[in-house]
């Protein structure tokens, strides 16, 4: 006699302060490019609307920065790529910090330069 498997409970929603904390950490992790935002999106996307929006925005921005870095790397053969790589580095740090500050205040934020890959 076997017992039917019980359905697994879904992810529990976070309280607002936890959502703000994790959204802030995902944006700060953007300084290290896309891996923290990818992990944050995959783990936290179903835990609340605020953290989902911020992790998706961070992931979209970081993927855009990876593409820009690849373009800069290819164009470094002719010299302009070094300028592009420097600009990507500065833009990544500046916008990640701005987004982290907004998330810590509980404000919604969208990056001004990002291709929408996930929503």
C-alpha atoms as a PDB file:
ATOM      1  CA  UNK A   1       0.000   0.000   0.000  1.00  0.00           C
ATOM      2  CA  UNK A   2       1.548   3.274  -1.066  1.00  0.00           C
ATOM      3  CA  UNK A   3       0.531   6.681   0.029  1.00  0.00           C
ATOM      4  CA  UNK A   4       0.036   9.359  -2.587  1.00  0.00           C
ATOM      5  CA  UNK A   5       2.780  11.933  -2.680  1.00  0.00           C
ATOM      6  CA  UNK A   6       1.902  15.184  -1.078  1.00  0.00           C
ATOM      7  CA  UNK A   7       2.221  18.283  -3.190  1.00  0.00           C
ATOM      8  CA  UNK A   8       5.248  20.347  -2.359  1.00  0.00           C
ATOM      9  CA  UNK A   9       4.445  23.785  -0.987  1.00  0.00           C
ATOM     10  CA  UNK A  10       5.349  26.673  -3.239  1.00  0.00           C
ATOM     11  CA  UNK A  11       7.882  29.293  -2.309  1.00  0.00           C
ATOM     12  CA  UNK A  12       6.791  31.425   0.598  1.00  0.00           C
ATOM     13  CA  UNK A  13       6.458  35.152  -0.060  1.00  0.00           C
ATOM     14  CA  UNK A  14       8.976  37.347   1.688  1.00  0.00           C
ATOM     15  CA  UNK A  15       8.170  40.227   3.964  1.00  0.00           C
ATOM     16  CA  UNK A  16       8.894  43.680   2.487  1.00  0.00           C
ATOM     17  CA  UNK A  17      12.122  44.232   4.429  1.00  0.00           C
ATOM     18  CA  UNK A  18      13.555  40.929   3.163  1.00  0.00           C
ATOM     19  CA  UNK A  19      12.525  41.800  -0.383  1.00  0.00           C
ATOM     20  CA  UNK A  20      14.334  45.138  -0.102  1.00  0.00           C
ATOM     21  CA  UNK A  21      17.437  43.472   1.321  1.00  0.00           C
ATOM     22  CA  UNK A  22      17.665  40.828  -1.403  1.00  0.00           C
ATOM     23  CA  UNK A  23      16.919  43.321  -4.174  1.00  0.00           C
ATOM     24  CA  UNK A  24      19.714  45.526  -2.841  1.00  0.00           C
ATOM     25  CA  UNK A  25      22.155  42.616  -2.664  1.00  0.00           C
ATOM     26  CA  UNK A  26      21.384  41.533  -6.227  1.00  0.00           C
ATOM     27  CA  UNK A  27      22.146  45.027  -7.505  1.00  0.00           C
ATOM     28  CA  UNK A  28      25.358  45.259  -5.464  1.00  0.00           C
ATOM     29  CA  UNK A  29      26.353  41.872  -6.856  1.00  0.00           C
ATOM     30  CA  UNK A  30      26.125  43.443 -10.307  1.00  0.00           C
ATOM     31  CA  UNK A  31      29.573  44.887  -9.754  1.00  0.00           C
ATOM     32  CA  UNK A  32      30.747  41.287 -10.347  1.00  0.00           C
ATOM     33  CA  UNK A  33      28.741  41.069 -13.593  1.00  0.00           C
ATOM     34  CA  UNK A  34      25.827  38.795 -14.317  1.00  0.00           C
ATOM     35  CA  UNK A  35      26.277  35.706 -12.138  1.00  0.00           C
ATOM     36  CA  UNK A  36      24.839  37.146  -8.863  1.00  0.00           C
ATOM     37  CA  UNK A  37      21.854  38.609 -10.712  1.00  0.00           C
ATOM     38  CA  UNK A  38      21.239  35.330 -12.557  1.00  0.00           C
ATOM     39  CA  UNK A  39      21.331  33.318  -9.333  1.00  0.00           C
ATOM     40  CA  UNK A  40      19.173  35.922  -7.584  1.00  0.00           C
ATOM     41  CA  UNK A  41      16.612  35.851 -10.373  1.00  0.00           C
ATOM     42  CA  UNK A  42      16.407  32.061 -10.481  1.00  0.00           C
ATOM     43  CA  UNK A  43      16.131  31.678  -6.698  1.00  0.00           C
ATOM     44  CA  UNK A  44      14.039  34.720  -5.749  1.00  0.00           C
ATOM     45  CA  UNK A  45      11.743  35.422  -8.713  1.00  0.00           C
ATOM     46  CA  UNK A  46       8.722  33.746  -7.113  1.00  0.00           C
ATOM     47  CA  UNK A  47       9.173  35.236  -3.641  1.00  0.00           C
ATOM     48  CA  UNK A  48       7.517  38.614  -4.219  1.00  0.00           C
ATOM     49  CA  UNK A  49       6.774  41.215  -6.879  1.00  0.00           C
ATOM     50  CA  UNK A  50       9.340  43.747  -5.648  1.00  0.00           C
ATOM     51  CA  UNK A  51      12.247  41.311  -5.580  1.00  0.00           C
ATOM     52  CA  UNK A  52      11.174  39.796  -8.907  1.00  0.00           C
ATOM     53  CA  UNK A  53      11.153  43.190 -10.633  1.00  0.00           C
ATOM     54  CA  UNK A  54      14.550  44.117  -9.223  1.00  0.00           C
ATOM     55  CA  UNK A  55      16.211  40.787  -9.983  1.00  0.00           C
ATOM     56  CA  UNK A  56      14.835  40.824 -13.543  1.00  0.00           C
ATOM     57  CA  UNK A  57      16.021  44.404 -14.047  1.00  0.00           C
ATOM     58  CA  UNK A  58      19.468  43.557 -12.678  1.00  0.00           C
ATOM     59  CA  UNK A  59      19.749  40.463 -14.864  1.00  0.00           C
ATOM     60  CA  UNK A  60      18.678  42.351 -17.997  1.00  0.00           C
ATOM     61  CA  UNK A  61      21.187  45.105 -17.278  1.00  0.00           C
ATOM     62  CA  UNK A  62      24.037  42.691 -16.554  1.00  0.00           C
ATOM     63  CA  UNK A  63      23.368  40.700 -19.733  1.00  0.00           C
ATOM     64  CA  UNK A  64      23.405  43.971 -21.666  1.00  0.00           C
ATOM     65  CA  UNK A  65      26.762  44.814 -20.067  1.00  0.00           C
ATOM     66  CA  UNK A  66      28.129  41.375 -21.028  1.00  0.00           C
ATOM     67  CA  UNK A  67      27.137  41.987 -24.651  1.00  0.00           C
ATOM     68  CA  UNK A  68      28.722  45.450 -24.571  1.00  0.00           C
ATOM     69  CA  UNK A  69      31.883  43.943 -23.062  1.00  0.00           C
ATOM     70  CA  UNK A  70      32.059  41.355 -25.833  1.00  0.00           C
ATOM     71  CA  UNK A  71      31.687  44.087 -28.432  1.00  0.00           C
ATOM     72  CA  UNK A  72      34.415  46.083 -26.693  1.00  0.00           C
ATOM     73  CA  UNK A  73      36.683  43.053 -26.587  1.00  0.00           C
ATOM     74  CA  UNK A  74      36.256  42.431 -30.315  1.00  0.00           C
ATOM     75  CA  UNK A  75      36.763  46.103 -31.153  1.00  0.00           C
ATOM     76  CA  UNK A  76      39.861  46.353 -28.985  1.00  0.00           C
ATOM     77  CA  UNK A  77      41.743  45.161 -32.050  1.00  0.00           C
ATOM     78  CA  UNK A  78      41.284  48.626 -33.542  1.00  0.00           C
ATOM     79  CA  UNK A  79      41.646  50.514 -30.273  1.00  0.00           C
ATOM     80  CA  UNK A  80      38.112  51.848 -29.749  1.00  0.00           C
ATOM     81  CA  UNK A  81      37.254  48.712 -27.830  1.00  0.00           C
ATOM     82  CA  UNK A  82      39.387  49.821 -24.898  1.00  0.00           C
ATOM     83  CA  UNK A  83      37.248  52.938 -24.549  1.00  0.00           C
ATOM     84  CA  UNK A  84      34.106  50.817 -24.742  1.00  0.00           C
ATOM     85  CA  UNK A  85      35.412  48.427 -22.078  1.00  0.00           C
ATOM     86  CA  UNK A  86      36.249  51.333 -19.770  1.00  0.00           C
ATOM     87  CA  UNK A  87      32.794  52.846 -20.329  1.00  0.00           C
ATOM     88  CA  UNK A  88      31.091  49.497 -19.614  1.00  0.00           C
ATOM     89  CA  UNK A  89      33.078  49.142 -16.389  1.00  0.00           C
ATOM     90  CA  UNK A  90      32.145  52.627 -15.160  1.00  0.00           C
ATOM     91  CA  UNK A  91      28.491  52.394 -16.245  1.00  0.00           C
ATOM     92  CA  UNK A  92      28.143  49.002 -14.562  1.00  0.00           C
ATOM     93  CA  UNK A  93      29.458  50.258 -11.227  1.00  0.00           C
ATOM     94  CA  UNK A  94      27.549  53.556 -11.257  1.00  0.00           C
ATOM     95  CA  UNK A  95      24.158  52.153 -12.250  1.00  0.00           C
ATOM     96  CA  UNK A  96      24.488  49.132  -9.950  1.00  0.00           C
ATOM     97  CA  UNK A  97      25.084  51.461  -7.000  1.00  0.00           C
ATOM     98  CA  UNK A  98      22.176  53.722  -7.972  1.00  0.00           C
ATOM     99  CA  UNK A  99      19.869  50.698  -8.302  1.00  0.00           C
ATOM    100  CA  UNK A 100      21.016  49.293  -4.949  1.00  0.00           C
ATOM    101  CA  UNK A 101      20.287  52.598  -3.211  1.00  0.00           C
ATOM    102  CA  UNK A 102      16.821  52.756  -4.787  1.00  0.00           C
ATOM    103  CA  UNK A 103      16.085  49.148  -3.798  1.00  0.00           C
ATOM    104  CA  UNK A 104      17.209  49.734  -0.217  1.00  0.00           C
ATOM    105  CA  UNK A 105      14.751  52.633  -0.014  1.00  0.00           C
ATOM    106  CA  UNK A 106      11.956  50.397  -1.313  1.00  0.00           C
ATOM    107  CA  UNK A 107      11.674  52.246  -4.616  1.00  0.00           C
ATOM    108  CA  UNK A 108      11.131  50.636  -8.012  1.00  0.00           C
ATOM    109  CA  UNK A 109      13.999  51.104 -10.462  1.00  0.00           C
ATOM    110  CA  UNK A 110      14.631  50.375 -14.094  1.00  0.00           C
ATOM    111  CA  UNK A 111      18.045  50.769 -15.645  1.00  0.00           C
ATOM    112  CA  UNK A 112      18.181  53.434 -18.356  1.00  0.00           C
ATOM    113  CA  UNK A 113      20.277  51.192 -20.624  1.00  0.00           C
ATOM    114  CA  UNK A 114      19.136  47.578 -20.701  1.00  0.00           C
ATOM    115  CA  UNK A 115      17.850  45.116 -23.247  1.00  0.00           C
ATOM    116  CA  UNK A 116      14.810  43.228 -21.947  1.00  0.00           C
ATOM    117  CA  UNK A 117      15.673  39.518 -21.930  1.00  0.00           C
ATOM    118  CA  UNK A 118      13.565  38.444 -18.931  1.00  0.00           C
ATOM    119  CA  UNK A 119      10.548  40.017 -17.313  1.00  0.00           C
END
